[in-house]
Amino acid sequence: PFQPFNRSPQVRYTLQPVKNIFLTGAAVWQMQTSSNGPVGFTPA
């Protein structure tokens, strides 16, 4: 658990404005790995 481990549905855009530089923006939704709460682990 030292390394983030998560696969999720997302929309992600990666831009390369100049050589070797990459900018990434994403909107991510939970699915298989989700937050915990009053009713357990769920994406709800």
All heavy atoms as atom14 arrays in JSON, in Angstrom:
{
  "sequence": "PFQPFNRSPQVRYTLQPVKNIFLTGAAVWQMQTSSNGPVGFTPA",
  "atom14_mask": [
    [1, 1, 1, 1, 1, 1, 1, 0, 0, 0, 0, 0, 0, 0],
    [1, 1, 1, 1, 1, 1, 1, 1, 1, 1, 1, 0, 0, 0],
    [1, 1, 1, 1, 1, 1, 1, 1, 1, 0, 0, 0, 0, 0],
    [1, 1, 1, 1, 1, 1, 1, 0, 0, 0, 0, 0, 0, 0],
    [1, 1, 1, 1, 1, 1, 1, 1, 1, 1, 1, 0, 0, 0],
    [1, 1, 1, 1, 1, 1, 1, 1, 0, 0, 0, 0, 0, 0],
    [1, 1, 1, 1, 1, 1, 1, 1, 1, 1, 1, 0, 0, 0],
    [1, 1, 1, 1, 1, 1, 0, 0, 0, 0, 0, 0, 0, 0],
    [1, 1, 1, 1, 1, 1, 1, 0, 0, 0, 0, 0, 0, 0],
    [1, 1, 1, 1, 1, 1, 1, 1, 1, 0, 0, 0, 0, 0],
    [1, 1, 1, 1, 1, 1, 1, 0, 0, 0, 0, 0, 0, 0],
    [1, 1, 1, 1, 1, 1, 1, 1, 1, 1, 1, 0, 0, 0],
    [1, 1, 1, 1, 1, 1, 1, 1, 1, 1, 1, 1, 0, 0],
    [1, 1, 1, 1, 1, 1, 1, 0, 0, 0, 0, 0, 0, 0],
    [1, 1, 1, 1, 1, 1, 1, 1, 0, 0, 0, 0, 0, 0],
    [1, 1, 1, 1, 1, 1, 1, 1, 1, 0, 0, 0, 0, 0],
    [1, 1, 1, 1, 1, 1, 1, 0, 0, 0, 0, 0, 0, 0],
    [1, 1, 1, 1, 1, 1, 1, 0, 0, 0, 0, 0, 0, 0],
    [1, 1, 1, 1, 1, 1, 1, 1, 1, 0, 0, 0, 0, 0],
    [1, 1, 1, 1, 1, 1, 1, 1, 0, 0, 0, 0, 0, 0],
    [1, 1, 1, 1, 1, 1, 1, 1, 0, 0, 0, 0, 0, 0],
    [1, 1, 1, 1, 1, 1, 1, 1, 1, 1, 1, 0, 0, 0],
    [1, 1, 1, 1, 1, 1, 1, 1, 0, 0, 0, 0, 0, 0],
    [1, 1, 1, 1, 1, 1, 1, 0, 0, 0, 0, 0, 0, 0],
    [1, 1, 1, 1, 0, 0, 0, 0, 0, 0, 0, 0, 0, 0],
    [1, 1, 1, 1, 1, 0, 0, 0, 0, 0, 0, 0, 0, 0],
    [1, 1, 1, 1, 1, 0, 0, 0, 0, 0, 0, 0, 0, 0],
    [1, 1, 1, 1, 1, 1, 1, 0, 0, 0, 0, 0, 0, 0],
    [1, 1, 1, 1, 1, 1, 1, 1, 1, 1, 1, 1, 1, 1],
    [1, 1, 1, 1, 1, 1, 1, 1, 1, 0, 0, 0, 0, 0],
    [1, 1, 1, 1, 1, 1, 1, 1, 0, 0, 0, 0, 0, 0],
    [1, 1, 1, 1, 1, 1, 1, 1, 1, 0, 0, 0, 0, 0],
    [1, 1, 1, 1, 1, 1, 1, 0, 0, 0, 0, 0, 0, 0],
    [1, 1, 1, 1, 1, 1, 0, 0, 0, 0, 0, 0, 0, 0],
    [1, 1, 1, 1, 1, 1, 0, 0, 0, 0, 0, 0, 0, 0],
    [1, 1, 1, 1, 1, 1, 1, 1, 0, 0, 0, 0, 0, 0],
    [1, 1, 1, 1, 0, 0, 0, 0, 0, 0, 0, 0, 0, 0],
    [1, 1, 1, 1, 1, 1, 1, 0, 0, 0, 0, 0, 0, 0],
    [1, 1, 1, 1, 1, 1, 1, 0, 0, 0, 0, 0, 0, 0],
    [1, 1, 1, 1, 0, 0, 0, 0, 0, 0, 0, 0, 0, 0],
    [1, 1, 1, 1, 1, 1, 1, 1, 1, 1, 1, 0, 0, 0],
    [1, 1, 1, 1, 1, 1, 1, 0, 0, 0, 0, 0, 0, 0],
    [1, 1, 1, 1, 1, 1, 1, 0, 0, 0, 0, 0, 0, 0],
    [1, 1, 1, 1, 1, 0, 0, 0, 0, 0, 0, 0, 0, 0]
  ],
  "atom14_positions": [
    [[0.79, -1.23, 0.0], [0.0, 0.0, 0.0], [0.83, 1.29, 0.0], [0.31, 2.35, 0.33], [-0.78, -0.12, 1.31], [0.18, -0.81, 2.24], [0.95, -1.77, 1.37], [0.0, 0.0, 0.0], [0.0, 0.0, 0.0], [0.0, 0.0, 0.0], [0.0, 0.0, 0.0], [0.0, 0.0, 0.0], [0.0, 0.0, 0.0], [0.0, 0.0, 0.0]],
    [[2.1, 1.22, -0.34], [2.93, 2.42, -0.43], [2.75, 3.1, -1.8], [2.89, 4.31, -1.91], [4.4, 2.06, -0.23], [4.65, 1.28, 1.03], [4.66, -0.1, 1.01], [4.83, 1.93, 2.23], [4.88, -0.83, 2.17], [5.05, 1.22, 3.4], [5.07, -0.18, 3.37], [0.0, 0.0, 0.0], [0.0, 0.0, 0.0], [0.0, 0.0, 0.0]],
    [[2.47, 2.31, -2.82], [2.23, 2.78, -4.17], [0.73, 2.85, -4.42], [0.01, 1.87, -4.16], [2.88, 1.83, -5.18], [2.33, 1.86, -6.59], [2.7, 3.12, -7.36], [3.51, 3.92, -6.92], [2.11, 3.29, -8.52], [0.0, 0.0, 0.0], [0.0, 0.0, 0.0], [0.0, 0.0, 0.0], [0.0, 0.0, 0.0], [0.0, 0.0, 0.0]],
    [[0.17, 3.98, -4.9], [-1.26, 4.02, -5.23], [-1.62, 2.91, -6.21], [-0.92, 2.68, -7.2], [-1.43, 5.4, -5.87], [-0.29, 6.22, -5.35], [0.85, 5.26, -5.18], [0.0, 0.0, 0.0], [0.0, 0.0, 0.0], [0.0, 0.0, 0.0], [0.0, 0.0, 0.0], [0.0, 0.0, 0.0], [0.0, 0.0, 0.0], [0.0, 0.0, 0.0]],
    [[-2.72, 2.22, -5.93], [-3.15, 1.09, -6.76], [-4.64, 1.25, -7.03], [-5.46, 1.08, -6.14], [-2.86, -0.24, -6.05], [-2.98, -1.45, -6.93], [-1.84, -2.07, -7.42], [-4.21, -1.97, -7.27], [-1.94, -3.2, -8.25], [-4.32, -3.07, -8.09], [-3.18, -3.69, -8.57], [0.0, 0.0, 0.0], [0.0, 0.0, 0.0], [0.0, 0.0, 0.0]],
    [[-4.98, 1.62, -8.26], [-6.36, 1.93, -8.58], [-6.55, 1.92, -10.09], [-5.78, 2.54, -10.82], [-6.71, 3.32, -8.0], [-8.11, 3.77, -8.29], [-8.57, 3.78, -9.42], [-8.82, 4.17, -7.24], [0.0, 0.0, 0.0], [0.0, 0.0, 0.0], [0.0, 0.0, 0.0], [0.0, 0.0, 0.0], [0.0, 0.0, 0.0], [0.0, 0.0, 0.0]],
    [[-7.55, 1.2, -10.55], [-7.99, 1.26, -11.96], [-9.44, 1.73, -11.96], [-10.28, 1.14, -11.28], [-7.86, -0.11, -12.64], [-6.44, -0.56, -12.89], [-6.4, -1.87, -13.7], [-7.07, -2.95, -12.98], [-6.46, -3.77, -12.11], [-5.17, -3.61, -11.84], [-7.13, -4.72, -11.5], [0.0, 0.0, 0.0], [0.0, 0.0, 0.0], [0.0, 0.0, 0.0]],
    [[-9.73, 2.77, -12.74], [-11.04, 3.38, -12.7], [-11.44, 3.92, -14.07], [-10.59, 4.25, -14.9], [-11.05, 4.55, -11.7], [-10.85, 4.11, -10.38], [0.0, 0.0, 0.0], [0.0, 0.0, 0.0], [0.0, 0.0, 0.0], [0.0, 0.0, 0.0], [0.0, 0.0, 0.0], [0.0, 0.0, 0.0], [0.0, 0.0, 0.0], [0.0, 0.0, 0.0]],
    [[-12.76, 4.06, -14.32], [-13.23, 4.75, -15.54], [-12.82, 6.21, -15.49], [-12.88, 6.85, -14.44], [-14.75, 4.59, -15.46], [-14.98, 3.46, -14.52], [-13.86, 3.5, -13.54], [0.0, 0.0, 0.0], [0.0, 0.0, 0.0], [0.0, 0.0, 0.0], [0.0, 0.0, 0.0], [0.0, 0.0, 0.0], [0.0, 0.0, 0.0], [0.0, 0.0, 0.0]],
    [[-12.43, 6.75, -16.64], [-11.92, 8.12, -16.66], [-11.95, 8.71, -18.06], [-12.03, 7.99, -19.06], [-10.49, 8.16, -16.13], [-9.52, 7.29, -16.92], [-8.22, 7.08, -16.18], [-7.27, 7.84, -16.36], [-8.16, 6.03, -15.36], [0.0, 0.0, 0.0], [0.0, 0.0, 0.0], [0.0, 0.0, 0.0], [0.0, 0.0, 0.0], [0.0, 0.0, 0.0]],
    [[-11.86, 10.02, -18.1], [-11.59, 10.76, -19.33], [-10.28, 11.5, -19.07], [-10.21, 12.33, -18.15], [-12.72, 11.74, -19.66], [-12.36, 12.55, -20.9], [-14.03, 10.99, -19.87], [0.0, 0.0, 0.0], [0.0, 0.0, 0.0], [0.0, 0.0, 0.0], [0.0, 0.0, 0.0], [0.0, 0.0, 0.0], [0.0, 0.0, 0.0], [0.0, 0.0, 0.0]],
    [[-9.26, 11.2, -19.87], [-7.92, 11.74, -19.61], [-7.3, 12.28, -20.89], [-7.31, 11.62, -21.92], [-7.03, 10.64, -19.04], [-5.65, 11.13, -18.63], [-4.92, 10.05, -17.85], [-4.43, 8.97, -18.68], [-4.07, 7.78, -18.21], [-4.19, 7.52, -16.92], [-3.6, 6.87, -19.0], [0.0, 0.0, 0.0], [0.0, 0.0, 0.0], [0.0, 0.0, 0.0]],
    [[-6.79, 13.5, -20.79], [-6.12, 14.11, -21.94], [-4.67, 14.42, -21.57], [-4.4, 15.02, -20.52], [-6.82, 15.4, -22.37], [-6.21, 15.98, -23.63], [-6.43, 15.4, -24.87], [-5.39, 17.11, -23.57], [-5.86, 15.9, -26.03], [-4.83, 17.64, -24.73], [-5.06, 17.02, -25.95], [-4.48, 17.52, -27.08], [0.0, 0.0, 0.0], [0.0, 0.0, 0.0]],
    [[-3.76, 14.03, -22.44], [-2.33, 14.28, -22.25], [-1.84, 15.14, -23.4], [-2.01, 14.78, -24.57], [-1.54, 12.97, -22.18], [-2.02, 12.18, -21.09], [-0.06, 13.25, -21.97], [0.0, 0.0, 0.0], [0.0, 0.0, 0.0], [0.0, 0.0, 0.0], [0.0, 0.0, 0.0], [0.0, 0.0, 0.0], [0.0, 0.0, 0.0], [0.0, 0.0, 0.0]],
    [[-1.23, 16.26, -23.07], [-0.73, 17.21, -24.06], [0.79, 17.26, -24.0], [1.38, 17.27, -22.91], [-1.31, 18.6, -23.78], [-0.78, 19.76, -24.63], [-1.23, 19.62, -26.07], [-1.23, 21.1, -24.03], [0.0, 0.0, 0.0], [0.0, 0.0, 0.0], [0.0, 0.0, 0.0], [0.0, 0.0, 0.0], [0.0, 0.0, 0.0], [0.0, 0.0, 0.0]],
    [[1.43, 17.3, -25.17], [2.88, 17.46, -25.26], [3.17, 18.81, -25.89], [3.31, 18.94, -27.11], [3.51, 16.33, -26.07], [5.02, 16.38, -26.08], [5.64, 15.23, -26.88], [4.95, 14.46, -27.54], [6.96, 15.14, -26.83], [0.0, 0.0, 0.0], [0.0, 0.0, 0.0], [0.0, 0.0, 0.0], [0.0, 0.0, 0.0], [0.0, 0.0, 0.0]],
    [[3.3, 19.87, -25.06], [3.51, 21.2, -25.63], [4.9, 21.38, -26.23], [5.07, 22.12, -27.21], [3.31, 22.13, -24.42], [3.64, 21.28, -23.24], [3.23, 19.89, -23.6], [0.0, 0.0, 0.0], [0.0, 0.0, 0.0], [0.0, 0.0, 0.0], [0.0, 0.0, 0.0], [0.0, 0.0, 0.0], [0.0, 0.0, 0.0], [0.0, 0.0, 0.0]],
    [[5.91, 20.74, -25.62], [7.28, 20.78, -26.13], [7.88, 19.4, -25.97], [7.32, 18.53, -25.3], [8.15, 21.84, -25.38], [7.64, 23.24, -25.63], [8.19, 21.54, -23.89], [0.0, 0.0, 0.0], [0.0, 0.0, 0.0], [0.0, 0.0, 0.0], [0.0, 0.0, 0.0], [0.0, 0.0, 0.0], [0.0, 0.0, 0.0], [0.0, 0.0, 0.0]],
    [[9.04, 19.19, -26.56], [9.69, 17.89, -26.5], [9.95, 17.48, -25.05], [10.44, 18.26, -24.24], [11.02, 17.93, -27.27], [11.73, 16.59, -27.34], [13.02, 16.69, -28.14], [13.73, 15.35, -28.19], [15.01, 15.44, -28.94], [0.0, 0.0, 0.0], [0.0, 0.0, 0.0], [0.0, 0.0, 0.0], [0.0, 0.0, 0.0], [0.0, 0.0, 0.0]],
    [[9.59, 16.23, -24.72], [9.85, 15.58, -23.43], [8.98, 16.06, -22.28], [9.1, 15.56, -21.16], [11.32, 15.72, -23.02], [12.28, 15.06, -24.0], [11.93, 14.09, -24.66], [13.47, 15.62, -24.1], [0.0, 0.0, 0.0], [0.0, 0.0, 0.0], [0.0, 0.0, 0.0], [0.0, 0.0, 0.0], [0.0, 0.0, 0.0], [0.0, 0.0, 0.0]],
    [[8.11, 17.04, -22.52], [7.23, 17.54, -21.46], [5.79, 17.12, -21.76], [5.3, 17.33, -22.87], [7.3, 19.07, -21.33], [8.72, 19.5, -20.96], [6.31, 19.56, -20.29], [9.18, 19.02, -19.6], [0.0, 0.0, 0.0], [0.0, 0.0, 0.0], [0.0, 0.0, 0.0], [0.0, 0.0, 0.0], [0.0, 0.0, 0.0], [0.0, 0.0, 0.0]],
    [[5.12, 16.54, -20.74], [3.75, 16.07, -20.9], [2.88, 16.63, -19.77], [3.24, 16.55, -18.6], [3.7, 14.54, -20.88], [4.48, 13.89, -21.98], [5.83, 13.62, -21.82], [3.87, 13.57, -23.18], [6.56, 13.03, -22.84], [4.59, 12.98, -24.21], [5.95, 12.71, -24.04], [0.0, 0.0, 0.0], [0.0, 0.0, 0.0], [0.0, 0.0, 0.0]],
    [[1.73, 17.21, -20.16], [0.75, 17.73, -19.21], [-0.5, 16.84, -19.26], [-1.0, 16.55, -20.36], [0.37, 19.17, -19.55], [1.54, 20.17, -19.67], [1.0, 21.54, -20.09], [2.3, 20.27, -18.34], [0.0, 0.0, 0.0], [0.0, 0.0, 0.0], [0.0, 0.0, 0.0], [0.0, 0.0, 0.0], [0.0, 0.0, 0.0], [0.0, 0.0, 0.0]],
    [[-0.99, 16.43, -18.1], [-2.13, 15.51, -18.05], [-3.22, 16.07, -17.17], [-2.97, 16.55, -16.06], [-1.7, 14.13, -17.51], [-0.74, 13.55, -18.38], [-2.9, 13.2, -17.41], [0.0, 0.0, 0.0], [0.0, 0.0, 0.0], [0.0, 0.0, 0.0], [0.0, 0.0, 0.0], [0.0, 0.0, 0.0], [0.0, 0.0, 0.0], [0.0, 0.0, 0.0]],
    [[-4.44, 16.01, -17.67], [-5.62, 16.35, -16.89], [-6.64, 15.24, -17.02], [-6.8, 14.65, -18.1], [0.0, 0.0, 0.0], [0.0, 0.0, 0.0], [0.0, 0.0, 0.0], [0.0, 0.0, 0.0], [0.0, 0.0, 0.0], [0.0, 0.0, 0.0], [0.0, 0.0, 0.0], [0.0, 0.0, 0.0], [0.0, 0.0, 0.0], [0.0, 0.0, 0.0]],
    [[-7.33, 14.9, -15.93], [-8.26, 13.78, -15.98], [-9.43, 13.99, -15.03], [-9.3, 14.65, -13.98], [-7.53, 12.47, -15.62], [0.0, 0.0, 0.0], [0.0, 0.0, 0.0], [0.0, 0.0, 0.0], [0.0, 0.0, 0.0], [0.0, 0.0, 0.0], [0.0, 0.0, 0.0], [0.0, 0.0, 0.0], [0.0, 0.0, 0.0], [0.0, 0.0, 0.0]],
    [[-10.57, 13.43, -15.42], [-11.74, 13.29, -14.55], [-11.97, 11.8, -14.37], [-12.1, 11.07, -15.36], [-12.96, 13.97, -15.17], [0.0, 0.0, 0.0], [0.0, 0.0, 0.0], [0.0, 0.0, 0.0], [0.0, 0.0, 0.0], [0.0, 0.0, 0.0], [0.0, 0.0, 0.0], [0.0, 0.0, 0.0], [0.0, 0.0, 0.0], [0.0, 0.0, 0.0]],
    [[-12.02, 11.34, -13.11], [-12.03, 9.92, -12.8], [-13.23, 9.59, -11.93], [-13.6, 10.34, -11.03], [-10.72, 9.52, -12.07], [-10.64, 8.01, -11.9], [-9.5, 10.04, -12.81], [0.0, 0.0, 0.0], [0.0, 0.0, 0.0], [0.0, 0.0, 0.0], [0.0, 0.0, 0.0], [0.0, 0.0, 0.0], [0.0, 0.0, 0.0], [0.0, 0.0, 0.0]],
    [[-13.83, 8.41, -12.19], [-14.96, 7.92, -11.41], [-14.59, 6.59, -10.76], [-13.93, 5.76, -11.37], [-16.19, 7.74, -12.29], [-16.81, 9.03, -12.71], [-17.88, 9.64, -12.14], [-16.4, 9.88, -13.79], [-18.17, 10.82, -12.78], [-17.28, 10.98, -13.81], [-15.39, 9.79, -14.75], [-17.16, 12.0, -14.74], [-15.27, 10.81, -15.68], [-16.16, 11.9, -15.67]],
    [[-15.03, 6.38, -9.53], [-14.68, 5.16, -8.81], [-15.49, 3.97, -9.32], [-16.62, 4.1, -9.76], [-14.93, 5.33, -7.31], [-14.01, 6.35, -6.66], [-14.25, 6.47, -5.17], [-15.09, 5.79, -4.6], [-13.5, 7.35, -4.53], [0.0, 0.0, 0.0], [0.0, 0.0, 0.0], [0.0, 0.0, 0.0], [0.0, 0.0, 0.0], [0.0, 0.0, 0.0]],
    [[-14.87, 2.77, -9.24], [-15.58, 1.54, -9.56], [-15.08, 0.42, -8.67], [-15.54, 0.23, -7.56], [-15.46, 1.17, -11.04], [-16.5, 0.12, -11.45], [-16.41, -0.4, -13.18], [-15.03, -1.54, -13.13], [0.0, 0.0, 0.0], [0.0, 0.0, 0.0], [0.0, 0.0, 0.0], [0.0, 0.0, 0.0], [0.0, 0.0, 0.0], [0.0, 0.0, 0.0]],
    [[-14.05, -0.34, -9.1], [-13.61, -1.51, -8.35], [-12.9, -1.15, -7.05], [-13.01, -1.86, -6.06], [-12.7, -2.37, -9.23], [-13.45, -3.03, -10.39], [-12.5, -3.64, -11.41], [-11.39, -3.15, -11.6], [-12.94, -4.7, -12.06], [0.0, 0.0, 0.0], [0.0, 0.0, 0.0], [0.0, 0.0, 0.0], [0.0, 0.0, 0.0], [0.0, 0.0, 0.0]],
    [[-12.14, -0.09, -7.05], [-11.51, 0.4, -5.83], [-12.17, 1.72, -5.46], [-12.11, 2.68, -6.23], [-9.99, 0.58, -6.02], [-9.73, 1.28, -7.24], [-9.29, -0.76, -6.07], [0.0, 0.0, 0.0], [0.0, 0.0, 0.0], [0.0, 0.0, 0.0], [0.0, 0.0, 0.0], [0.0, 0.0, 0.0], [0.0, 0.0, 0.0], [0.0, 0.0, 0.0]],
    [[-12.8, 1.75, -4.28], [-13.65, 2.88, -3.94], [-13.4, 3.33, -2.51], [-12.67, 2.71, -1.74], [-15.12, 2.49, -4.12], [-15.43, 1.36, -3.32], [0.0, 0.0, 0.0], [0.0, 0.0, 0.0], [0.0, 0.0, 0.0], [0.0, 0.0, 0.0], [0.0, 0.0, 0.0], [0.0, 0.0, 0.0], [0.0, 0.0, 0.0], [0.0, 0.0, 0.0]],
    [[-14.05, 4.42, -2.13], [-13.96, 4.95, -0.78], [-14.78, 4.1, 0.19], [-15.73, 3.41, -0.2], [-14.46, 6.4, -0.74], [-13.65, 7.24, -1.55], [0.0, 0.0, 0.0], [0.0, 0.0, 0.0], [0.0, 0.0, 0.0], [0.0, 0.0, 0.0], [0.0, 0.0, 0.0], [0.0, 0.0, 0.0], [0.0, 0.0, 0.0], [0.0, 0.0, 0.0]],
    [[-14.4, 4.19, 1.48], [-15.14, 3.49, 2.53], [-16.1, 4.48, 3.18], [-15.93, 5.69, 3.1], [-14.16, 2.93, 3.56], [-14.8, 1.9, 4.47], [-15.96, 1.54, 4.29], [-14.06, 1.42, 5.44], [0.0, 0.0, 0.0], [0.0, 0.0, 0.0], [0.0, 0.0, 0.0], [0.0, 0.0, 0.0], [0.0, 0.0, 0.0], [0.0, 0.0, 0.0]],
    [[-17.13, 3.94, 3.86], [-18.11, 4.8, 4.5], [-19.08, 4.01, 5.35], [-18.85, 2.85, 5.67], [0.0, 0.0, 0.0], [0.0, 0.0, 0.0], [0.0, 0.0, 0.0], [0.0, 0.0, 0.0], [0.0, 0.0, 0.0], [0.0, 0.0, 0.0], [0.0, 0.0, 0.0], [0.0, 0.0, 0.0], [0.0, 0.0, 0.0], [0.0, 0.0, 0.0]],
    [[-20.2, 4.63, 5.73], [-21.16, 4.0, 6.63], [-21.71, 2.66, 6.14], [-22.11, 1.83, 6.96], [-22.29, 5.04, 6.73], [-21.61, 6.35, 6.45], [-20.55, 6.04, 5.44], [0.0, 0.0, 0.0], [0.0, 0.0, 0.0], [0.0, 0.0, 0.0], [0.0, 0.0, 0.0], [0.0, 0.0, 0.0], [0.0, 0.0, 0.0], [0.0, 0.0, 0.0]],
    [[-21.74, 2.42, 4.84], [-22.24, 1.14, 4.33], [-21.12, 0.33, 3.68], [-21.38, -0.54, 2.85], [-23.41, 1.34, 3.34], [-24.6, 1.95, 4.05], [-22.99, 2.19, 2.15], [0.0, 0.0, 0.0], [0.0, 0.0, 0.0], [0.0, 0.0, 0.0], [0.0, 0.0, 0.0], [0.0, 0.0, 0.0], [0.0, 0.0, 0.0], [0.0, 0.0, 0.0]],
    [[-19.88, 0.62, 4.04], [-18.75, -0.15, 3.51], [-18.13, 0.51, 2.3], [-18.39, 1.67, 1.97], [0.0, 0.0, 0.0], [0.0, 0.0, 0.0], [0.0, 0.0, 0.0], [0.0, 0.0, 0.0], [0.0, 0.0, 0.0], [0.0, 0.0, 0.0], [0.0, 0.0, 0.0], [0.0, 0.0, 0.0], [0.0, 0.0, 0.0], [0.0, 0.0, 0.0]],
    [[-17.29, -0.27, 1.59], [-16.65, 0.24, 0.38], [-17.63, 0.22, -0.77], [-18.17, -0.83, -1.13], [-15.42, -0.62, 0.03], [-14.24, -0.38, 0.92], [-14.02, -1.18, 2.04], [-13.35, 0.65, 0.65], [-12.93, -0.96, 2.86], [-12.26, 0.88, 1.48], [-12.04, 0.07, 2.59], [0.0, 0.0, 0.0], [0.0, 0.0, 0.0], [0.0, 0.0, 0.0]],
    [[-17.85, 1.38, -1.37], [-18.77, 1.48, -2.5], [-18.49, 2.77, -3.28], [-18.12, 3.79, -2.68], [-20.24, 1.47, -2.04], [-21.11, 1.78, -3.15], [-20.48, 2.49, -0.94], [0.0, 0.0, 0.0], [0.0, 0.0, 0.0], [0.0, 0.0, 0.0], [0.0, 0.0, 0.0], [0.0, 0.0, 0.0], [0.0, 0.0, 0.0], [0.0, 0.0, 0.0]],
    [[-18.7, 2.77, -4.61], [-18.54, 4.01, -5.39], [-19.64, 5.03, -5.14], [-19.56, 6.15, -5.63], [-18.59, 3.52, -6.85], [-18.41, 2.03, -6.78], [-18.94, 1.6, -5.45], [0.0, 0.0, 0.0], [0.0, 0.0, 0.0], [0.0, 0.0, 0.0], [0.0, 0.0, 0.0], [0.0, 0.0, 0.0], [0.0, 0.0, 0.0], [0.0, 0.0, 0.0]],
    [[-20.68, 4.65, -4.36], [-21.85, 5.52, -4.19], [-21.5, 6.86, -3.55], [-22.13, 7.87, -3.84], [-22.91, 4.8, -3.36], [0.0, 0.0, 0.0], [0.0, 0.0, 0.0], [0.0, 0.0, 0.0], [0.0, 0.0, 0.0], [0.0, 0.0, 0.0], [0.0, 0.0, 0.0], [0.0, 0.0, 0.0], [0.0, 0.0, 0.0], [0.0, 0.0, 0.0]]
  ]
}
